[in-house]
Amino acid sequence: MREETSMAEIVVGLAASHTPQLSSGADLWDDHGERDKRSSALLGRDGEFHTYEELLEMVDPSVADQLSNEVWEAKYERTQKGIEELKRLLVEAKPDVALVIGDDQWELFQAEGVPTFALFHGDELWDEPRTGEALEKLAPGLKAAQWAAHGETRNVNKTDGKLAAHLTAALAEAEFDVFQFSEQPSTRSLGHAFTFPRYRLDLSTDIPIVPIFINTYIPPNVPSASRCFQLGQVIRKAIESWTPGVRVAVITSGGLSHFVINEELDQQVLDGLVKGDLASFGDLPRNQMRSGNSEILNWVTAAGMLEGLQASVIDYVPGYRSPAGTGTGMAFASWA
């Protein structure tokens, strides 16, 4: 029998990248790289957007050493070990509810409104994979990794609307403007940032989630790193005033740098996690918090929520996938 505490308690924090490179197999990393060649807006290490051809002129020649099948297989194995460790920690923590921090990429929120922060007050959100023509249009690498985002059939995710409403009230009192909603559009699936814990971390379907939506991807109303850290701090205090004895897991996914790997930026973020306060992250400039890099803001929010707990970096794997230095800085971290 578990001992009940006098307040709700965060019992574990988990963070992982959710790139398709984690779930397609290393044999398809070159296919992911082929998609990059067709992009005209790749965020470089200088914080500016470039074409693939422009990046080729700027790349460190040593990147070529990272592109063999042997290197890819070894790195892929490391990422799977990182995932397995997070799964183990989640099972050991025995949470009653999971707060999942993520970004919606034109999935639930579209042209009628993209909120900076949002919380869902209902009891379930469904997700489903692409099928038919939509599936066939996917590149082979994306098609192979779809299972890690939406499984194989339509699935219902239990949500804790009462806890979400409690967090919304606390955030409003702290002068955060939060969009609340309680109905899911009939044709729109819950996004992959929020389903990743179900499919890759084996979060039980019996455990309800509270999705914390942060608009990292769609400008111009993208919050700063400091605002995200503050959001996490307020949510932590709100959790402590929730139902006594409830065990809470905090999970975030996304990032780190992509679609151009920036190892220096990634290391700055990971060092900040371990040191554990906002100042330790240093300057995370807005021009770097764009495109795929923007999902770093999910990690910063988790750091604010888990302030006071010790973070550990399980692994960092720079998954280069093309001669221009494109790919994903894949990281795995935990708090206890």
C-alpha atoms as a PDB file:
ATOM      1  CA  MET A   1       0.000   0.000   0.000  1.00  0.00           C
ATOM      2  CA  ARG A   2       1.396   3.389  -0.985  1.00  0.00           C
ATOM      3  CA  GLU A   3       1.860   6.009   1.712  1.00  0.00           C
ATOM      4  CA  GLU A   4      -0.340   9.034   1.057  1.00  0.00           C
ATOM      5  CA  THR A   5       1.295  12.453   1.231  1.00  0.00           C
ATOM      6  CA  SER A   6      -0.392  15.654   2.431  1.00  0.00           C
ATOM      7  CA  MET A   7      -0.308  17.062  -1.099  1.00  0.00           C
ATOM      8  CA  ALA A   8      -0.065  15.908  -4.682  1.00  0.00           C
ATOM      9  CA  GLU A   9       3.516  15.043  -5.540  1.00  0.00           C
ATOM     10  CA  ILE A  10       5.663  15.039  -8.676  1.00  0.00           C
ATOM     11  CA  VAL A  11       7.311  11.626  -8.569  1.00  0.00           C
ATOM     12  CA  VAL A  12       9.279  11.651 -11.831  1.00  0.00           C
ATOM     13  CA  GLY A  13      10.209  13.911 -14.715  1.00  0.00           C
ATOM     14  CA  LEU A  14      11.060  12.567 -18.166  1.00  0.00           C
ATOM     15  CA  ALA A  15      12.218  14.267 -21.365  1.00  0.00           C
ATOM     16  CA  ALA A  16      12.895  12.799 -24.796  1.00  0.00           C
ATOM     17  CA  SER A  17      13.213  13.860 -28.378  1.00  0.00           C
ATOM     18  CA  HIS A  18      10.361  12.571 -30.539  1.00  0.00           C
ATOM     19  CA  THR A  19      11.901  12.775 -34.017  1.00  0.00           C
ATOM     20  CA  PRO A  20      10.925  10.115 -36.579  1.00  0.00           C
ATOM     21  CA  GLN A  21      14.612   9.170 -36.605  1.00  0.00           C
ATOM     22  CA  LEU A  22      13.973   7.479 -33.237  1.00  0.00           C
ATOM     23  CA  SER A  23      11.306   5.180 -34.605  1.00  0.00           C
ATOM     24  CA  SER A  24      11.942   4.507 -38.300  1.00  0.00           C
ATOM     25  CA  GLY A  25      15.116   2.453 -37.990  1.00  0.00           C
ATOM     26  CA  ALA A  26      18.612   3.640 -38.932  1.00  0.00           C
ATOM     27  CA  ASP A  27      18.249   2.250 -42.447  1.00  0.00           C
ATOM     28  CA  LEU A  28      15.865   5.144 -43.201  1.00  0.00           C
ATOM     29  CA  TRP A  29      17.982   7.994 -41.852  1.00  0.00           C
ATOM     30  CA  ASP A  30      19.138   8.725 -45.392  1.00  0.00           C
ATOM     31  CA  ASP A  31      15.479   9.094 -46.443  1.00  0.00           C
ATOM     32  CA  HIS A  32      14.967  11.669 -43.698  1.00  0.00           C
ATOM     33  CA  GLY A  33      18.028  13.453 -45.068  1.00  0.00           C
ATOM     34  CA  GLU A  34      16.572  13.460 -48.578  1.00  0.00           C
ATOM     35  CA  ARG A  35      13.561  15.414 -47.300  1.00  0.00           C
ATOM     36  CA  ASP A  36      15.911  18.087 -45.952  1.00  0.00           C
ATOM     37  CA  LYS A  37      17.361  18.628 -49.414  1.00  0.00           C
ATOM     38  CA  ARG A  38      13.973  19.840 -50.631  1.00  0.00           C
ATOM     39  CA  SER A  39      13.564  22.432 -47.869  1.00  0.00           C
ATOM     40  CA  SER A  40      14.208  26.101 -48.563  1.00  0.00           C
ATOM     41  CA  ALA A  41      13.997  27.161 -44.896  1.00  0.00           C
ATOM     42  CA  LEU A  42      16.491  25.289 -42.716  1.00  0.00           C
ATOM     43  CA  LEU A  43      17.409  27.150 -39.526  1.00  0.00           C
ATOM     44  CA  GLY A  44      21.194  27.330 -39.387  1.00  0.00           C
ATOM     45  CA  ARG A  45      23.515  27.631 -36.425  1.00  0.00           C
ATOM     46  CA  ASP A  46      23.631  31.365 -37.092  1.00  0.00           C
ATOM     47  CA  GLY A  47      19.902  31.681 -36.313  1.00  0.00           C
ATOM     48  CA  GLU A  48      19.012  32.437 -39.940  1.00  0.00           C
ATOM     49  CA  PHE A  49      17.105  30.348 -42.479  1.00  0.00           C
ATOM     50  CA  HIS A  50      19.042  28.822 -45.386  1.00  0.00           C
ATOM     51  CA  THR A  51      18.585  26.532 -48.347  1.00  0.00           C
ATOM     52  CA  TYR A  52      20.185  23.120 -48.263  1.00  0.00           C
ATOM     53  CA  GLU A  53      22.745  24.264 -50.827  1.00  0.00           C
ATOM     54  CA  GLU A  54      23.705  27.235 -48.655  1.00  0.00           C
ATOM     55  CA  LEU A  55      24.224  24.956 -45.671  1.00  0.00           C
ATOM     56  CA  LEU A  56      26.566  22.774 -47.715  1.00  0.00           C
ATOM     57  CA  GLU A  57      28.837  25.786 -48.099  1.00  0.00           C
ATOM     58  CA  MET A  58      28.858  26.373 -44.336  1.00  0.00           C
ATOM     59  CA  VAL A  59      29.073  22.839 -42.907  1.00  0.00           C
ATOM     60  CA  ASP A  60      31.960  21.475 -40.855  1.00  0.00           C
ATOM     61  CA  PRO A  61      33.717  18.863 -43.051  1.00  0.00           C
ATOM     62  CA  SER A  62      33.836  16.435 -40.105  1.00  0.00           C
ATOM     63  CA  VAL A  63      30.080  15.879 -40.496  1.00  0.00           C
ATOM     64  CA  ALA A  64      30.904  13.526 -43.380  1.00  0.00           C
ATOM     65  CA  ASP A  65      32.346  11.077 -40.842  1.00  0.00           C
ATOM     66  CA  GLN A  66      28.903  10.817 -39.197  1.00  0.00           C
ATOM     67  CA  LEU A  67      27.046   9.519 -42.251  1.00  0.00           C
ATOM     68  CA  SER A  68      28.008   5.859 -42.584  1.00  0.00           C
ATOM     69  CA  ASN A  69      25.538   3.034 -41.986  1.00  0.00           C
ATOM     70  CA  GLU A  70      27.777   1.738 -39.201  1.00  0.00           C
ATOM     71  CA  VAL A  71      27.696   5.059 -37.350  1.00  0.00           C
ATOM     72  CA  TRP A  72      23.943   5.367 -37.863  1.00  0.00           C
ATOM     73  CA  GLU A  73      23.271   1.902 -36.471  1.00  0.00           C
ATOM     74  CA  ALA A  74      25.398   2.565 -33.389  1.00  0.00           C
ATOM     75  CA  LYS A  75      23.660   5.877 -32.726  1.00  0.00           C
ATOM     76  CA  TYR A  76      20.228   4.350 -33.275  1.00  0.00           C
ATOM     77  CA  GLU A  77      21.005   1.674 -30.678  1.00  0.00           C
ATOM     78  CA  ARG A  78      21.972   4.374 -28.182  1.00  0.00           C
ATOM     79  CA  THR A  79      18.658   6.146 -28.711  1.00  0.00           C
ATOM     80  CA  GLN A  80      16.716   2.951 -28.091  1.00  0.00           C
ATOM     81  CA  LYS A  81      18.604   2.420 -24.831  1.00  0.00           C
ATOM     82  CA  GLY A  82      17.678   5.971 -23.833  1.00  0.00           C
ATOM     83  CA  ILE A  83      14.010   5.221 -24.498  1.00  0.00           C
ATOM     84  CA  GLU A  84      14.196   1.986 -22.523  1.00  0.00           C
ATOM     85  CA  GLU A  85      15.651   3.794 -19.514  1.00  0.00           C
ATOM     86  CA  LEU A  86      12.822   6.337 -19.565  1.00  0.00           C
ATOM     87  CA  LYS A  87      10.289   3.515 -19.777  1.00  0.00           C
ATOM     88  CA  ARG A  88      11.864   1.850 -16.758  1.00  0.00           C
ATOM     89  CA  LEU A  89      11.761   5.046 -14.714  1.00  0.00           C
ATOM     90  CA  LEU A  90       8.121   5.634 -15.636  1.00  0.00           C
ATOM     91  CA  VAL A  91       7.097   2.154 -14.501  1.00  0.00           C
ATOM     92  CA  GLU A  92       9.004   2.522 -11.220  1.00  0.00           C
ATOM     93  CA  ALA A  93       7.349   5.881 -10.473  1.00  0.00           C
ATOM     94  CA  LYS A  94       3.802   4.454 -10.541  1.00  0.00           C
ATOM     95  CA  PRO A  95       2.087   7.763 -11.429  1.00  0.00           C
ATOM     96  CA  ASP A  96      -1.644   8.351 -11.117  1.00  0.00           C
ATOM     97  CA  VAL A  97      -1.647  11.096 -13.763  1.00  0.00           C
ATOM     98  CA  ALA A  98       0.834  12.444 -16.319  1.00  0.00           C
ATOM     99  CA  LEU A  99       1.288  16.079 -17.272  1.00  0.00           C
ATOM    100  CA  VAL A 100       2.512  16.063 -20.884  1.00  0.00           C
ATOM    101  CA  ILE A 101       4.172  19.226 -22.177  1.00  0.00           C
ATOM    102  CA  GLY A 102       4.214  19.634 -25.942  1.00  0.00           C
ATOM    103  CA  ASP A 103       3.621  21.786 -28.987  1.00  0.00           C
ATOM    104  CA  ASP A 104       0.747  21.505 -31.438  1.00  0.00           C
ATOM    105  CA  GLN A 105       1.871  21.719 -35.070  1.00  0.00           C
ATOM    106  CA  TRP A 106      -1.335  22.641 -36.901  1.00  0.00           C
ATOM    107  CA  GLU A 107      -2.941  19.483 -35.497  1.00  0.00           C
ATOM    108  CA  LEU A 108      -5.717  20.492 -33.068  1.00  0.00           C
ATOM    109  CA  PHE A 109      -5.260  24.242 -33.525  1.00  0.00           C
ATOM    110  CA  GLN A 110      -5.469  25.750 -36.994  1.00  0.00           C
ATOM    111  CA  ALA A 111      -6.482  28.967 -38.758  1.00  0.00           C
ATOM    112  CA  GLU A 112      -9.334  29.837 -36.387  1.00  0.00           C
ATOM    113  CA  GLY A 113      -6.898  30.259 -33.521  1.00  0.00           C
ATOM    114  CA  VAL A 114      -3.434  29.233 -32.271  1.00  0.00           C
ATOM    115  CA  PRO A 115      -3.109  29.981 -28.538  1.00  0.00           C
ATOM    116  CA  THR A 116       0.230  30.620 -26.847  1.00  0.00           C
ATOM    117  CA  PHE A 117      -0.808  28.351 -23.952  1.00  0.00           C
ATOM    118  CA  ALA A 118      -3.813  26.017 -23.741  1.00  0.00           C
ATOM    119  CA  LEU A 119      -5.319  23.382 -21.452  1.00  0.00           C
ATOM    120  CA  PHE A 120      -8.077  20.862 -22.220  1.00  0.00           C
ATOM    121  CA  HIS A 121     -10.878  20.556 -19.657  1.00  0.00           C
ATOM    122  CA  GLY A 122     -12.587  17.477 -21.067  1.00  0.00           C
ATOM    123  CA  ASP A 123     -12.241  13.782 -20.259  1.00  0.00           C
ATOM    124  CA  GLU A 124     -10.730  12.320 -23.440  1.00  0.00           C
ATOM    125  CA  LEU A 125      -8.878  13.200 -26.624  1.00  0.00           C
ATOM    126  CA  TRP A 126      -8.557  10.805 -29.541  1.00  0.00           C
ATOM    127  CA  ASP A 127      -5.702  10.335 -31.960  1.00  0.00           C
ATOM    128  CA  GLU A 128      -5.442   8.325 -35.159  1.00  0.00           C
ATOM    129  CA  PRO A 129      -2.854   7.522 -37.857  1.00  0.00           C
ATOM    130  CA  ARG A 130      -2.989   8.646 -41.446  1.00  0.00           C
ATOM    131  CA  THR A 131      -4.568   6.177 -43.836  1.00  0.00           C
ATOM    132  CA  GLY A 132      -5.252   5.787 -47.540  1.00  0.00           C
ATOM    133  CA  GLU A 133      -4.002   8.539 -49.820  1.00  0.00           C
ATOM    134  CA  ALA A 134      -2.689  10.642 -46.927  1.00  0.00           C
ATOM    135  CA  LEU A 135      -0.554   7.712 -45.787  1.00  0.00           C
ATOM    136  CA  GLU A 136       0.752   7.007 -49.274  1.00  0.00           C
ATOM    137  CA  LYS A 137       1.896  10.607 -49.665  1.00  0.00           C
ATOM    138  CA  LEU A 138       4.266  10.241 -46.718  1.00  0.00           C
ATOM    139  CA  ALA A 139       7.971   9.729 -47.362  1.00  0.00           C
ATOM    140  CA  PRO A 140       9.160   6.203 -46.492  1.00  0.00           C
ATOM    141  CA  GLY A 141      10.918   7.345 -43.316  1.00  0.00           C
ATOM    142  CA  LEU A 142       7.856   9.163 -42.015  1.00  0.00           C
ATOM    143  CA  LYS A 143       5.587   6.264 -42.925  1.00  0.00           C
ATOM    144  CA  ALA A 144       7.822   3.818 -41.044  1.00  0.00           C
ATOM    145  CA  ALA A 145       7.792   6.005 -37.937  1.00  0.00           C
ATOM    146  CA  GLN A 146       4.060   6.752 -37.863  1.00  0.00           C
ATOM    147  CA  TRP A 147       3.416   4.042 -35.258  1.00  0.00           C
ATOM    148  CA  ALA A 148       5.328   6.101 -32.679  1.00  0.00           C
ATOM    149  CA  ALA A 149       3.013   9.079 -33.160  1.00  0.00           C
ATOM    150  CA  HIS A 150      -0.439   7.570 -33.650  1.00  0.00           C
ATOM    151  CA  GLY A 151      -0.305   3.797 -33.421  1.00  0.00           C
ATOM    152  CA  GLU A 152      -2.165   1.707 -35.973  1.00  0.00           C
ATOM    153  CA  THR A 153      -5.803   2.543 -35.226  1.00  0.00           C
ATOM    154  CA  ARG A 154      -7.845   5.331 -33.690  1.00  0.00           C
ATOM    155  CA  ASN A 155      -7.192   5.479 -29.929  1.00  0.00           C
ATOM    156  CA  VAL A 156      -8.797   7.360 -27.064  1.00  0.00           C
ATOM    157  CA  ASN A 157      -6.566   9.057 -24.496  1.00  0.00           C
ATOM    158  CA  LYS A 158      -8.092   9.580 -21.056  1.00  0.00           C
ATOM    159  CA  THR A 159      -7.551  13.132 -19.806  1.00  0.00           C
ATOM    160  CA  ASP A 160      -7.936  14.668 -16.354  1.00  0.00           C
ATOM    161  CA  GLY A 161     -10.119  17.696 -17.039  1.00  0.00           C
ATOM    162  CA  LYS A 162     -10.539  18.573 -13.374  1.00  0.00           C
ATOM    163  CA  LEU A 163      -6.799  18.843 -12.805  1.00  0.00           C
ATOM    164  CA  ALA A 164      -6.482  20.843 -16.032  1.00  0.00           C
ATOM    165  CA  ALA A 165      -9.117  23.307 -14.792  1.00  0.00           C
ATOM    166  CA  HIS A 166      -7.252  23.605 -11.489  1.00  0.00           C
ATOM    167  CA  LEU A 167      -4.047  24.457 -13.366  1.00  0.00           C
ATOM    168  CA  THR A 168      -5.885  26.952 -15.580  1.00  0.00           C
ATOM    169  CA  ALA A 169      -7.238  28.778 -12.519  1.00  0.00           C
ATOM    170  CA  ALA A 170      -3.790  28.917 -10.921  1.00  0.00           C
ATOM    171  CA  LEU A 171      -2.215  30.235 -14.113  1.00  0.00           C
ATOM    172  CA  ALA A 172      -4.903  32.884 -14.519  1.00  0.00           C
ATOM    173  CA  GLU A 173      -4.284  34.026 -10.951  1.00  0.00           C
ATOM    174  CA  ALA A 174      -0.576  34.300 -11.814  1.00  0.00           C
ATOM    175  CA  GLU A 175      -1.515  36.481 -14.812  1.00  0.00           C
ATOM    176  CA  PHE A 176      -0.989  33.888 -17.540  1.00  0.00           C
ATOM    177  CA  ASP A 177      -3.562  34.094 -20.345  1.00  0.00           C
ATOM    178  CA  VAL A 178      -4.509  30.461 -20.981  1.00  0.00           C
ATOM    179  CA  PHE A 179      -6.920  29.216 -23.637  1.00  0.00           C
ATOM    180  CA  GLN A 180      -9.293  26.628 -22.191  1.00  0.00           C
ATOM    181  CA  PHE A 181     -11.337  24.235 -24.335  1.00  0.00           C
ATOM    182  CA  SER A 182     -13.404  21.127 -23.692  1.00  0.00           C
ATOM    183  CA  GLU A 183     -14.359  19.864 -27.166  1.00  0.00           C
ATOM    184  CA  GLN A 184     -12.122  18.303 -29.797  1.00  0.00           C
ATOM    185  CA  PRO A 185     -12.717  19.220 -33.447  1.00  0.00           C
ATOM    186  CA  SER A 186     -14.275  16.186 -35.116  1.00  0.00           C
ATOM    187  CA  THR A 187     -11.633  15.881 -37.837  1.00  0.00           C
ATOM    188  CA  ARG A 188      -8.480  16.706 -35.866  1.00  0.00           C
ATOM    189  CA  SER A 189      -6.233  14.291 -34.006  1.00  0.00           C
ATOM    190  CA  LEU A 190      -4.340  14.961 -30.809  1.00  0.00           C
ATOM    191  CA  GLY A 191      -0.787  15.869 -31.884  1.00  0.00           C
ATOM    192  CA  HIS A 192       2.270  13.646 -31.830  1.00  0.00           C
ATOM    193  CA  ALA A 193       4.029  15.530 -29.016  1.00  0.00           C
ATOM    194  CA  PHE A 194       1.281  14.349 -26.664  1.00  0.00           C
ATOM    195  CA  THR A 195       0.853  10.796 -27.954  1.00  0.00           C
ATOM    196  CA  PHE A 196       4.587   9.985 -27.938  1.00  0.00           C
ATOM    197  CA  PRO A 197       4.514   8.927 -24.245  1.00  0.00           C
ATOM    198  CA  ARG A 198       1.781   6.380 -25.001  1.00  0.00           C
ATOM    199  CA  TYR A 199       3.495   4.747 -27.959  1.00  0.00           C
ATOM    200  CA  ARG A 200       7.204   5.069 -27.149  1.00  0.00           C
ATOM    201  CA  LEU A 201       7.324   5.295 -23.357  1.00  0.00           C
ATOM    202  CA  ASP A 202       4.509   2.776 -22.801  1.00  0.00           C
ATOM    203  CA  LEU A 203       2.469   5.130 -20.633  1.00  0.00           C
ATOM    204  CA  SER A 204      -0.523   3.024 -19.634  1.00  0.00           C
ATOM    205  CA  THR A 205      -3.858   3.929 -21.184  1.00  0.00           C
ATOM    206  CA  ASP A 206      -5.283   3.665 -17.655  1.00  0.00           C
ATOM    207  CA  ILE A 207      -3.272   6.725 -16.621  1.00  0.00           C
ATOM    208  CA  PRO A 208      -4.968   9.990 -17.648  1.00  0.00           C
ATOM    209  CA  ILE A 209      -2.909  12.785 -19.136  1.00  0.00           C
ATOM    210  CA  VAL A 210      -3.098  16.554 -18.863  1.00  0.00           C
ATOM    211  CA  PRO A 211      -1.755  17.979 -22.142  1.00  0.00           C
ATOM    212  CA  ILE A 212      -0.056  21.338 -21.665  1.00  0.00           C
ATOM    213  CA  PHE A 213      -0.102  23.009 -25.072  1.00  0.00           C
ATOM    214  CA  ILE A 214       2.680  25.518 -25.802  1.00  0.00           C
ATOM    215  CA  ASN A 215       2.823  27.260 -29.151  1.00  0.00           C
ATOM    216  CA  THR A 216       6.490  26.908 -29.980  1.00  0.00           C
ATOM    217  CA  TYR A 217       6.131  26.395 -33.722  1.00  0.00           C
ATOM    218  CA  ILE A 218       3.671  28.914 -35.162  1.00  0.00           C
ATOM    219  CA  PRO A 219       4.836  32.583 -35.034  1.00  0.00           C
ATOM    220  CA  PRO A 220       4.372  35.263 -33.974  1.00  0.00           C
ATOM    221  CA  ASN A 221       2.847  34.454 -30.551  1.00  0.00           C
ATOM    222  CA  VAL A 222       5.659  32.132 -29.434  1.00  0.00           C
ATOM    223  CA  PRO A 223       6.593  32.591 -25.754  1.00  0.00           C
ATOM    224  CA  SER A 224      10.131  33.283 -24.564  1.00  0.00           C
ATOM    225  CA  ALA A 225      12.243  30.767 -22.690  1.00  0.00           C
ATOM    226  CA  SER A 226      11.877  32.771 -19.478  1.00  0.00           C
ATOM    227  CA  ARG A 227       8.080  32.836 -19.808  1.00  0.00           C
ATOM    228  CA  CYS A 228       8.009  29.062 -20.322  1.00  0.00           C
ATOM    229  CA  PHE A 229      10.156  28.501 -17.241  1.00  0.00           C
ATOM    230  CA  GLN A 230       7.801  30.716 -15.216  1.00  0.00           C
ATOM    231  CA  LEU A 231       4.818  28.758 -16.552  1.00  0.00           C
ATOM    232  CA  GLY A 232       6.381  25.580 -15.228  1.00  0.00           C
ATOM    233  CA  GLN A 233       6.994  27.129 -11.823  1.00  0.00           C
ATOM    234  CA  VAL A 234       3.344  28.164 -11.457  1.00  0.00           C
ATOM    235  CA  ILE A 235       2.132  24.727 -12.520  1.00  0.00           C
ATOM    236  CA  ARG A 236       4.382  23.059  -9.936  1.00  0.00           C
ATOM    237  CA  LYS A 237       2.863  25.161  -7.160  1.00  0.00           C
ATOM    238  CA  ALA A 238      -0.630  24.348  -8.450  1.00  0.00           C
ATOM    239  CA  ILE A 239       0.148  20.620  -8.388  1.00  0.00           C
ATOM    240  CA  GLU A 240       1.217  20.909  -4.751  1.00  0.00           C
ATOM    241  CA  SER A 241      -2.260  22.245  -3.902  1.00  0.00           C
ATOM    242  CA  TRP A 242      -4.060  19.430  -5.726  1.00  0.00           C
ATOM    243  CA  THR A 243      -5.615  16.319  -4.193  1.00  0.00           C
ATOM    244  CA  PRO A 244      -3.353  14.852  -1.480  1.00  0.00           C
ATOM    245  CA  GLY A 245      -1.589  11.631  -2.355  1.00  0.00           C
ATOM    246  CA  VAL A 246      -1.862  11.962  -6.146  1.00  0.00           C
ATOM    247  CA  ARG A 247       1.372  10.900  -7.855  1.00  0.00           C
ATOM    248  CA  VAL A 248       2.217  13.045 -10.868  1.00  0.00           C
ATOM    249  CA  ALA A 249       4.601  12.317 -13.734  1.00  0.00           C
ATOM    250  CA  VAL A 250       5.875  15.219 -15.830  1.00  0.00           C
ATOM    251  CA  ILE A 251       6.754  14.257 -19.402  1.00  0.00           C
ATOM    252  CA  THR A 252       7.970  16.421 -22.246  1.00  0.00           C
ATOM    253  CA  SER A 253       9.021  15.537 -25.769  1.00  0.00           C
ATOM    254  CA  GLY A 254      10.487  17.212 -28.820  1.00  0.00           C
ATOM    255  CA  GLY A 255      13.778  18.788 -29.828  1.00  0.00           C
ATOM    256  CA  LEU A 256      16.527  19.268 -29.348  1.00  0.00           C
ATOM    257  CA  SER A 257      18.034  21.159 -32.309  1.00  0.00           C
ATOM    258  CA  HIS A 258      16.611  20.273 -35.690  1.00  0.00           C
ATOM    259  CA  PHE A 259      16.453  20.332 -38.626  1.00  0.00           C
ATOM    260  CA  VAL A 260      20.058  21.523 -38.552  1.00  0.00           C
ATOM    261  CA  ILE A 261      21.969  20.077 -35.610  1.00  0.00           C
ATOM    262  CA  ASN A 262      23.469  22.670 -33.292  1.00  0.00           C
ATOM    263  CA  GLU A 263      25.489  20.734 -30.738  1.00  0.00           C
ATOM    264  CA  GLU A 264      26.602  23.875 -28.915  1.00  0.00           C
ATOM    265  CA  LEU A 265      23.008  24.996 -28.387  1.00  0.00           C
ATOM    266  CA  ASP A 266      21.948  21.504 -27.319  1.00  0.00           C
ATOM    267  CA  GLN A 267      24.737  21.285 -24.764  1.00  0.00           C
ATOM    268  CA  GLN A 268      23.769  24.689 -23.390  1.00  0.00           C
ATOM    269  CA  VAL A 269      20.219  23.404 -22.831  1.00  0.00           C
ATOM    270  CA  LEU A 270      21.345  20.143 -21.227  1.00  0.00           C
ATOM    271  CA  ASP A 271      23.772  21.959 -18.936  1.00  0.00           C
ATOM    272  CA  GLY A 272      20.896  24.240 -17.917  1.00  0.00           C
ATOM    273  CA  LEU A 273      18.722  21.260 -17.047  1.00  0.00           C
ATOM    274  CA  VAL A 274      21.365  19.780 -14.780  1.00  0.00           C
ATOM    275  CA  LYS A 275      22.097  23.085 -13.010  1.00  0.00           C
ATOM    276  CA  GLY A 276      18.378  23.547 -12.554  1.00  0.00           C
ATOM    277  CA  ASP A 277      17.357  27.208 -12.698  1.00  0.00           C
ATOM    278  CA  LEU A 278      16.463  29.705 -15.399  1.00  0.00           C
ATOM    279  CA  ALA A 279      19.763  31.601 -15.186  1.00  0.00           C
ATOM    280  CA  SER A 280      21.703  28.393 -15.818  1.00  0.00           C
ATOM    281  CA  PHE A 281      20.263  28.161 -19.339  1.00  0.00           C
ATOM    282  CA  GLY A 282      22.008  31.394 -20.277  1.00  0.00           C
ATOM    283  CA  ASP A 283      20.737  33.296 -23.271  1.00  0.00           C
ATOM    284  CA  LEU A 284      18.355  31.295 -25.476  1.00  0.00           C
ATOM    285  CA  PRO A 285      17.733  33.903 -28.188  1.00  0.00           C
ATOM    286  CA  ARG A 286      14.431  34.006 -30.006  1.00  0.00           C
ATOM    287  CA  ASN A 287      16.059  33.624 -33.422  1.00  0.00           C
ATOM    288  CA  GLN A 288      17.274  30.180 -32.293  1.00  0.00           C
ATOM    289  CA  MET A 289      13.905  29.198 -30.785  1.00  0.00           C
ATOM    290  CA  ARG A 290      12.332  28.717 -34.211  1.00  0.00           C
ATOM    291  CA  SER A 291      11.496  25.774 -36.478  1.00  0.00           C
ATOM    292  CA  GLY A 292      12.381  22.447 -34.834  1.00  0.00           C
ATOM    293  CA  ASN A 293      14.679  24.132 -32.318  1.00  0.00           C
ATOM    294  CA  SER A 294      11.589  25.753 -30.804  1.00  0.00           C
ATOM    295  CA  GLU A 295      10.665  22.506 -29.045  1.00  0.00           C
ATOM    296  CA  ILE A 296      13.498  23.272 -26.642  1.00  0.00           C
ATOM    297  CA  LEU A 297      10.878  25.499 -24.999  1.00  0.00           C
ATOM    298  CA  ASN A 298       9.008  22.336 -23.959  1.00  0.00           C
ATOM    299  CA  TRP A 299      12.119  21.214 -22.064  1.00  0.00           C
ATOM    300  CA  VAL A 300      12.534  24.637 -20.453  1.00  0.00           C
ATOM    301  CA  THR A 301       8.916  24.476 -19.234  1.00  0.00           C
ATOM    302  CA  ALA A 302       9.591  21.053 -17.726  1.00  0.00           C
ATOM    303  CA  ALA A 303      12.685  22.435 -16.000  1.00  0.00           C
ATOM    304  CA  GLY A 304      10.579  25.151 -14.389  1.00  0.00           C
ATOM    305  CA  MET A 305       8.017  22.590 -13.281  1.00  0.00           C
ATOM    306  CA  LEU A 306      10.701  20.299 -11.876  1.00  0.00           C
ATOM    307  CA  GLU A 307      12.836  22.993 -10.262  1.00  0.00           C
ATOM    308  CA  GLY A 308      14.302  21.590  -7.065  1.00  0.00           C
ATOM    309  CA  LEU A 309      14.599  18.046  -8.414  1.00  0.00           C
ATOM    310  CA  GLN A 310      17.954  16.879  -9.781  1.00  0.00           C
ATOM    311  CA  ALA A 311      18.086  16.383 -13.531  1.00  0.00           C
ATOM    312  CA  SER A 312      20.286  13.748 -15.157  1.00  0.00           C
ATOM    313  CA  VAL A 313      21.159  13.491 -18.840  1.00  0.00           C
ATOM    314  CA  ILE A 314      20.826   9.861 -19.878  1.00  0.00           C
ATOM    315  CA  ASP A 315      22.343  10.412 -23.317  1.00  0.00           C
ATOM    316  CA  TYR A 316      22.761  12.929 -26.108  1.00  0.00           C
ATOM    317  CA  VAL A 317      23.021  11.615 -29.671  1.00  0.00           C
ATOM    318  CA  PRO A 318      23.660  14.057 -32.548  1.00  0.00           C
ATOM    319  CA  GLY A 319      21.848  12.244 -35.357  1.00  0.00           C
ATOM    320  CA  TYR A 320      23.388  13.741 -38.483  1.00  0.00           C
ATOM    321  CA  ARG A 321      21.582  12.507 -41.576  1.00  0.00           C
ATOM    322  CA  SER A 322      22.929  14.527 -44.529  1.00  0.00           C
ATOM    323  CA  PRO A 323      26.177  16.130 -45.740  1.00  0.00           C
ATOM    324  CA  ALA A 324      24.752  19.589 -44.913  1.00  0.00           C
ATOM    325  CA  GLY A 325      24.614  18.774 -41.187  1.00  0.00           C
ATOM    326  CA  THR A 326      20.867  18.265 -41.008  1.00  0.00           C
ATOM    327  CA  GLY A 327      19.331  15.852 -38.543  1.00  0.00           C
ATOM    328  CA  THR A 328      18.233  15.917 -34.897  1.00  0.00           C
ATOM    329  CA  GLY A 329      20.065  16.414 -31.648  1.00  0.00           C
ATOM    330  CA  MET A 330      18.407  13.536 -29.786  1.00  0.00           C
ATOM    331  CA  ALA A 331      18.441  13.730 -26.011  1.00  0.00           C
ATOM    332  CA  PHE A 332      17.027  11.813 -23.056  1.00  0.00           C
ATOM    333  CA  ALA A 333      16.858  13.150 -19.518  1.00  0.00           C
ATOM    334  CA  SER A 334      15.152  12.479 -16.205  1.00  0.00           C
ATOM    335  CA  TRP A 335      14.469  14.226 -12.892  1.00  0.00           C
ATOM    336  CA  ALA A 336      14.201  12.514  -9.540  1.00  0.00           C
END
